Amino acid sequence: MRVLVRASIRFFVLIFFICFLSACSASPTAGLEPFKSVDGTYGFLFPTGWTRVALKDGPEVVFHDLINSDETLSLVKSDVSSEIELKNIGTPLEVGERLINNSYVLNYDDREAELISANARDVEERTFYDIEYVIHLPNENRHEIATVVVDHGTLYTFAAGTSELRWQKVEDLFHRMITSFNLFI
């Protein structure tokens, strides 16, 4: 009888730990660390193990994976009129087309970009446009996603990208990163 009780207890303890660990890995923040700007204006989550890179005259913030160095996360801030709202700039589709054309295609003859999707979402009374696109390069394709938001005269473009070959492995992680971007004022 004692053996049966001990075996039952071990079984239930094992089930508890399996459920506990499964719940931890399914968490929206599993494998991600928080980043908050020095001035407290914005924050986001980035993958554990990624490192921040300082670029002169580049994006405000850049992180990349140490193992897959072509996997990047960046934030670009641009000044706009303080009266401008995101909807004044255009629909999600229009902003997505403008983003890929201004950022990638017009600067290089050997690149093309293809818009996959563009959607709006509202978070805490702010509208974000989530944009997904593929950049066709001569030797590979890159899959990128971005979120765009306007607040207090600043246009924030928060983007993450990787090679098309890695996209299926990191798609969920990248979506969690992009949708984690938030403004605090």
C-alpha atoms as a PDB file:
ATOM      1  CA  MET A   1       0.000   0.000   0.000  1.00  0.00           C
ATOM      2  CA  ARG A   2       2.837   2.393   0.882  1.00  0.00           C
ATOM      3  CA  VAL A   3       4.459   1.796  -2.483  1.00  0.00           C
ATOM      4  CA  LEU A   4       1.214   2.624  -4.241  1.00  0.00           C
ATOM      5  CA  VAL A   5       0.812   5.868  -2.252  1.00  0.00           C
ATOM      6  CA  ARG A   6       4.417   6.927  -2.977  1.00  0.00           C
ATOM      7  CA  ALA A   7       4.037   6.124  -6.661  1.00  0.00           C
ATOM      8  CA  SER A   8       0.810   8.135  -6.774  1.00  0.00           C
ATOM      9  CA  ILE A   9       2.455  11.108  -5.052  1.00  0.00           C
ATOM     10  CA  ARG A  10       5.409  10.988  -7.454  1.00  0.00           C
ATOM     11  CA  PHE A  11       3.024  10.796 -10.377  1.00  0.00           C
ATOM     12  CA  PHE A  12       1.047  13.863  -9.243  1.00  0.00           C
ATOM     13  CA  VAL A  13       4.234  15.827  -8.464  1.00  0.00           C
ATOM     14  CA  LEU A  14       5.553  14.980 -11.930  1.00  0.00           C
ATOM     15  CA  ILE A  15       2.272  16.050 -13.559  1.00  0.00           C
ATOM     16  CA  PHE A  16       2.342  19.303 -11.540  1.00  0.00           C
ATOM     17  CA  PHE A  17       5.879  20.145 -12.717  1.00  0.00           C
ATOM     18  CA  ILE A  18       5.075  19.292 -16.325  1.00  0.00           C
ATOM     19  CA  CYS A  19       2.025  21.574 -16.211  1.00  0.00           C
ATOM     20  CA  PHE A  20       4.004  24.301 -14.444  1.00  0.00           C
ATOM     21  CA  LEU A  21       6.843  24.216 -16.969  1.00  0.00           C
ATOM     22  CA  SER A  22       4.412  24.111 -19.881  1.00  0.00           C
ATOM     23  CA  ALA A  23       2.618  27.156 -18.529  1.00  0.00           C
ATOM     24  CA  CYS A  24       5.927  29.025 -18.222  1.00  0.00           C
ATOM     25  CA  SER A  25       6.968  28.308 -21.801  1.00  0.00           C
ATOM     26  CA  ALA A  26       3.574  29.342 -23.176  1.00  0.00           C
ATOM     27  CA  SER A  27       3.799  32.730 -21.497  1.00  0.00           C
ATOM     28  CA  PRO A  28       3.818  35.703 -23.898  1.00  0.00           C
ATOM     29  CA  THR A  29       7.062  36.879 -22.277  1.00  0.00           C
ATOM     30  CA  ALA A  30       8.855  33.511 -22.210  1.00  0.00           C
ATOM     31  CA  GLY A  31      12.355  33.947 -23.617  1.00  0.00           C
ATOM     32  CA  LEU A  32      12.042  37.733 -23.714  1.00  0.00           C
ATOM     33  CA  GLU A  33      13.588  40.484 -21.610  1.00  0.00           C
ATOM     34  CA  PRO A  34      12.226  43.999 -21.049  1.00  0.00           C
ATOM     35  CA  PHE A  35      13.849  47.130 -22.424  1.00  0.00           C
ATOM     36  CA  LYS A  36      12.790  50.617 -21.380  1.00  0.00           C
ATOM     37  CA  SER A  37      14.155  53.849 -22.826  1.00  0.00           C
ATOM     38  CA  VAL A  38      16.287  56.014 -20.556  1.00  0.00           C
ATOM     39  CA  ASP A  39      13.652  58.765 -20.614  1.00  0.00           C
ATOM     40  CA  GLY A  40      10.842  56.287 -19.898  1.00  0.00           C
ATOM     41  CA  THR A  41       9.000  57.123 -23.123  1.00  0.00           C
ATOM     42  CA  TYR A  42       8.789  53.643 -24.621  1.00  0.00           C
ATOM     43  CA  GLY A  43       9.571  50.025 -23.941  1.00  0.00           C
ATOM     44  CA  PHE A  44       9.514  46.610 -25.559  1.00  0.00           C
ATOM     45  CA  LEU A  45      10.598  43.011 -25.129  1.00  0.00           C
ATOM     46  CA  PHE A  46      13.647  41.528 -26.850  1.00  0.00           C
ATOM     47  CA  PRO A  47      14.958  37.940 -26.934  1.00  0.00           C
ATOM     48  CA  THR A  48      17.179  36.715 -24.134  1.00  0.00           C
ATOM     49  CA  GLY A  49      20.733  36.456 -25.432  1.00  0.00           C
ATOM     50  CA  TRP A  50      20.440  39.237 -27.986  1.00  0.00           C
ATOM     51  CA  THR A  51      22.827  42.140 -27.611  1.00  0.00           C
ATOM     52  CA  ARG A  52      22.412  45.848 -28.128  1.00  0.00           C
ATOM     53  CA  VAL A  53      24.501  47.464 -30.852  1.00  0.00           C
ATOM     54  CA  ALA A  54      25.336  51.172 -30.982  1.00  0.00           C
ATOM     55  CA  LEU A  55      25.241  52.634 -34.479  1.00  0.00           C
ATOM     56  CA  LYS A  56      26.366  56.157 -35.211  1.00  0.00           C
ATOM     57  CA  ASP A  57      23.722  58.046 -37.217  1.00  0.00           C
ATOM     58  CA  GLY A  58      21.521  54.961 -37.307  1.00  0.00           C
ATOM     59  CA  PRO A  59      18.367  53.789 -35.589  1.00  0.00           C
ATOM     60  CA  GLU A  60      17.715  54.853 -31.996  1.00  0.00           C
ATOM     61  CA  VAL A  61      17.956  51.263 -30.748  1.00  0.00           C
ATOM     62  CA  VAL A  62      19.321  48.124 -32.421  1.00  0.00           C
ATOM     63  CA  PHE A  63      19.531  44.588 -31.038  1.00  0.00           C
ATOM     64  CA  HIS A  64      20.753  41.488 -32.840  1.00  0.00           C
ATOM     65  CA  ASP A  65      21.119  37.806 -32.150  1.00  0.00           C
ATOM     66  CA  LEU A  66      24.703  36.746 -31.425  1.00  0.00           C
ATOM     67  CA  ILE A  67      24.245  33.355 -33.092  1.00  0.00           C
ATOM     68  CA  ASN A  68      22.153  34.424 -36.105  1.00  0.00           C
ATOM     69  CA  SER A  69      23.569  37.904 -36.586  1.00  0.00           C
ATOM     70  CA  ASP A  70      21.197  38.721 -39.444  1.00  0.00           C
ATOM     71  CA  GLU A  71      18.269  38.608 -36.987  1.00  0.00           C
ATOM     72  CA  THR A  72      17.726  42.183 -35.911  1.00  0.00           C
ATOM     73  CA  LEU A  73      15.387  44.418 -33.988  1.00  0.00           C
ATOM     74  CA  SER A  74      15.465  48.184 -34.440  1.00  0.00           C
ATOM     75  CA  LEU A  75      13.626  51.353 -33.502  1.00  0.00           C
ATOM     76  CA  VAL A  76      13.662  54.427 -35.715  1.00  0.00           C
ATOM     77  CA  LYS A  77      12.172  57.696 -34.496  1.00  0.00           C
ATOM     78  CA  SER A  78      11.175  60.442 -36.917  1.00  0.00           C
ATOM     79  CA  ASP A  79       9.809  63.903 -36.199  1.00  0.00           C
ATOM     80  CA  VAL A  80       6.343  64.741 -37.523  1.00  0.00           C
ATOM     81  CA  SER A  81       3.974  67.599 -36.807  1.00  0.00           C
ATOM     82  CA  SER A  82       2.491  67.365 -33.316  1.00  0.00           C
ATOM     83  CA  GLU A  83      -1.009  67.552 -34.831  1.00  0.00           C
ATOM     84  CA  ILE A  84      -0.455  64.504 -37.040  1.00  0.00           C
ATOM     85  CA  GLU A  85      -2.107  61.217 -36.147  1.00  0.00           C
ATOM     86  CA  LEU A  86      -1.267  57.899 -37.753  1.00  0.00           C
ATOM     87  CA  LYS A  87      -4.534  57.833 -39.702  1.00  0.00           C
ATOM     88  CA  ASN A  88      -3.533  61.199 -41.273  1.00  0.00           C
ATOM     89  CA  ILE A  89      -0.443  59.548 -42.738  1.00  0.00           C
ATOM     90  CA  GLY A  90      -2.552  56.867 -44.402  1.00  0.00           C
ATOM     91  CA  THR A  91      -4.233  53.504 -44.024  1.00  0.00           C
ATOM     92  CA  PRO A  92      -2.194  50.533 -42.803  1.00  0.00           C
ATOM     93  CA  LEU A  93      -1.751  49.442 -46.430  1.00  0.00           C
ATOM     94  CA  GLU A  94      -0.595  52.914 -47.555  1.00  0.00           C
ATOM     95  CA  VAL A  95       1.831  53.265 -44.643  1.00  0.00           C
ATOM     96  CA  GLY A  96       3.134  49.740 -45.276  1.00  0.00           C
ATOM     97  CA  GLU A  97       3.774  50.517 -48.945  1.00  0.00           C
ATOM     98  CA  ARG A  98       5.496  53.768 -48.014  1.00  0.00           C
ATOM     99  CA  LEU A  99       7.625  52.017 -45.387  1.00  0.00           C
ATOM    100  CA  ILE A 100       8.957  49.341 -47.712  1.00  0.00           C
ATOM    101  CA  ASN A 101       9.438  51.705 -50.645  1.00  0.00           C
ATOM    102  CA  ASN A 102      11.208  54.437 -48.687  1.00  0.00           C
ATOM    103  CA  SER A 103      13.321  52.107 -46.602  1.00  0.00           C
ATOM    104  CA  TYR A 104      14.436  49.398 -48.962  1.00  0.00           C
ATOM    105  CA  VAL A 105      13.545  49.526 -52.622  1.00  0.00           C
ATOM    106  CA  LEU A 106      14.281  53.085 -53.688  1.00  0.00           C
ATOM    107  CA  ASN A 107      17.812  53.021 -52.273  1.00  0.00           C
ATOM    108  CA  TYR A 108      18.951  49.907 -54.186  1.00  0.00           C
ATOM    109  CA  ASP A 109      18.484  48.708 -57.754  1.00  0.00           C
ATOM    110  CA  ASP A 110      18.909  45.042 -56.834  1.00  0.00           C
ATOM    111  CA  ARG A 111      16.127  44.872 -54.212  1.00  0.00           C
ATOM    112  CA  GLU A 112      12.405  44.461 -54.327  1.00  0.00           C
ATOM    113  CA  ALA A 113       9.953  44.392 -51.453  1.00  0.00           C
ATOM    114  CA  GLU A 114       6.611  42.655 -51.209  1.00  0.00           C
ATOM    115  CA  LEU A 115       3.974  43.693 -48.694  1.00  0.00           C
ATOM    116  CA  ILE A 116       2.432  40.625 -47.051  1.00  0.00           C
ATOM    117  CA  SER A 117      -0.032  42.261 -44.654  1.00  0.00           C
ATOM    118  CA  ALA A 118      -0.885  45.554 -42.993  1.00  0.00           C
ATOM    119  CA  ASN A 119      -3.326  45.847 -40.086  1.00  0.00           C
ATOM    120  CA  ALA A 120      -4.342  48.348 -37.426  1.00  0.00           C
ATOM    121  CA  ARG A 121      -4.650  47.561 -33.723  1.00  0.00           C
ATOM    122  CA  ASP A 122      -5.544  49.781 -30.797  1.00  0.00           C
ATOM    123  CA  VAL A 123      -3.649  49.634 -27.509  1.00  0.00           C
ATOM    124  CA  GLU A 124      -4.410  52.007 -24.643  1.00  0.00           C
ATOM    125  CA  GLU A 125      -6.058  54.631 -26.874  1.00  0.00           C
ATOM    126  CA  ARG A 126      -3.235  54.558 -29.462  1.00  0.00           C
ATOM    127  CA  THR A 127      -3.419  53.117 -32.943  1.00  0.00           C
ATOM    128  CA  PHE A 128      -0.565  50.910 -34.127  1.00  0.00           C
ATOM    129  CA  TYR A 129      -0.112  49.663 -37.696  1.00  0.00           C
ATOM    130  CA  ASP A 130       1.465  46.200 -37.907  1.00  0.00           C
ATOM    131  CA  ILE A 131       3.156  45.580 -41.240  1.00  0.00           C
ATOM    132  CA  GLU A 132       4.681  42.366 -42.594  1.00  0.00           C
ATOM    133  CA  TYR A 133       6.821  42.243 -45.737  1.00  0.00           C
ATOM    134  CA  VAL A 134       9.506  40.304 -47.580  1.00  0.00           C
ATOM    135  CA  ILE A 135      12.595  41.921 -49.068  1.00  0.00           C
ATOM    136  CA  HIS A 136      13.947  40.117 -52.117  1.00  0.00           C
ATOM    137  CA  LEU A 137      17.744  40.475 -52.212  1.00  0.00           C
ATOM    138  CA  PRO A 138      20.086  39.078 -54.867  1.00  0.00           C
ATOM    139  CA  ASN A 139      21.285  36.176 -52.682  1.00  0.00           C
ATOM    140  CA  GLU A 140      18.449  35.701 -50.186  1.00  0.00           C
ATOM    141  CA  ASN A 141      15.089  36.935 -49.005  1.00  0.00           C
ATOM    142  CA  ARG A 142      14.471  38.673 -45.677  1.00  0.00           C
ATOM    143  CA  HIS A 143      11.196  38.480 -43.790  1.00  0.00           C
ATOM    144  CA  GLU A 144      10.419  41.551 -41.706  1.00  0.00           C
ATOM    145  CA  ILE A 145       7.634  42.809 -39.512  1.00  0.00           C
ATOM    146  CA  ALA A 146       7.180  46.267 -38.072  1.00  0.00           C
ATOM    147  CA  THR A 147       4.816  48.287 -35.986  1.00  0.00           C
ATOM    148  CA  VAL A 148       4.305  52.000 -36.550  1.00  0.00           C
ATOM    149  CA  VAL A 149       2.762  54.501 -34.130  1.00  0.00           C
ATOM    150  CA  VAL A 150       2.644  58.298 -33.850  1.00  0.00           C
ATOM    151  CA  ASP A 151       2.727  60.102 -30.517  1.00  0.00           C
ATOM    152  CA  HIS A 152       3.517  63.689 -29.466  1.00  0.00           C
ATOM    153  CA  GLY A 153       5.128  64.650 -32.776  1.00  0.00           C
ATOM    154  CA  THR A 154       7.186  61.473 -33.146  1.00  0.00           C
ATOM    155  CA  LEU A 155       6.709  58.615 -35.588  1.00  0.00           C
ATOM    156  CA  TYR A 156       8.049  55.359 -34.103  1.00  0.00           C
ATOM    157  CA  THR A 157       8.923  52.488 -36.443  1.00  0.00           C
ATOM    158  CA  PHE A 158       9.813  49.339 -34.529  1.00  0.00           C
ATOM    159  CA  ALA A 159      10.948  46.482 -36.809  1.00  0.00           C
ATOM    160  CA  ALA A 160      12.367  42.969 -36.621  1.00  0.00           C
ATOM    161  CA  GLY A 161      13.774  40.875 -39.433  1.00  0.00           C
ATOM    162  CA  THR A 162      15.483  37.621 -40.323  1.00  0.00           C
ATOM    163  CA  SER A 163      16.254  35.490 -43.347  1.00  0.00           C
ATOM    164  CA  GLU A 164      13.283  33.866 -45.026  1.00  0.00           C
ATOM    165  CA  LEU A 165      14.847  30.474 -44.212  1.00  0.00           C
ATOM    166  CA  ARG A 166      14.581  31.157 -40.449  1.00  0.00           C
ATOM    167  CA  TRP A 167      11.185  32.879 -40.516  1.00  0.00           C
ATOM    168  CA  GLN A 168       9.031  29.870 -39.649  1.00  0.00           C
ATOM    169  CA  LYS A 169      11.194  29.105 -36.600  1.00  0.00           C
ATOM    170  CA  VAL A 170      11.041  32.644 -35.185  1.00  0.00           C
ATOM    171  CA  GLU A 171       7.704  33.970 -36.468  1.00  0.00           C
ATOM    172  CA  ASP A 172       5.880  33.694 -33.139  1.00  0.00           C
ATOM    173  CA  LEU A 173       8.796  35.222 -31.223  1.00  0.00           C
ATOM    174  CA  PHE A 174       9.032  38.151 -33.662  1.00  0.00           C
ATOM    175  CA  HIS A 175       5.288  38.844 -33.450  1.00  0.00           C
ATOM    176  CA  ARG A 176       5.521  38.875 -29.647  1.00  0.00           C
ATOM    177  CA  MET A 177       8.425  41.333 -29.829  1.00  0.00           C
ATOM    178  CA  ILE A 178       6.692  43.678 -32.235  1.00  0.00           C
ATOM    179  CA  THR A 179       3.389  43.732 -30.372  1.00  0.00           C
ATOM    180  CA  SER A 180       5.227  44.327 -27.085  1.00  0.00           C
ATOM    181  CA  PHE A 181       6.283  47.821 -28.187  1.00  0.00           C
ATOM    182  CA  ASN A 182       4.430  50.392 -26.102  1.00  0.00           C
ATOM    183  CA  LEU A 183       4.521  54.069 -25.210  1.00  0.00           C
ATOM    184  CA  PHE A 184       4.349  55.096 -21.570  1.00  0.00           C
ATOM    185  CA  ILE A 185       3.347  58.783 -21.736  1.00  0.00           C
END
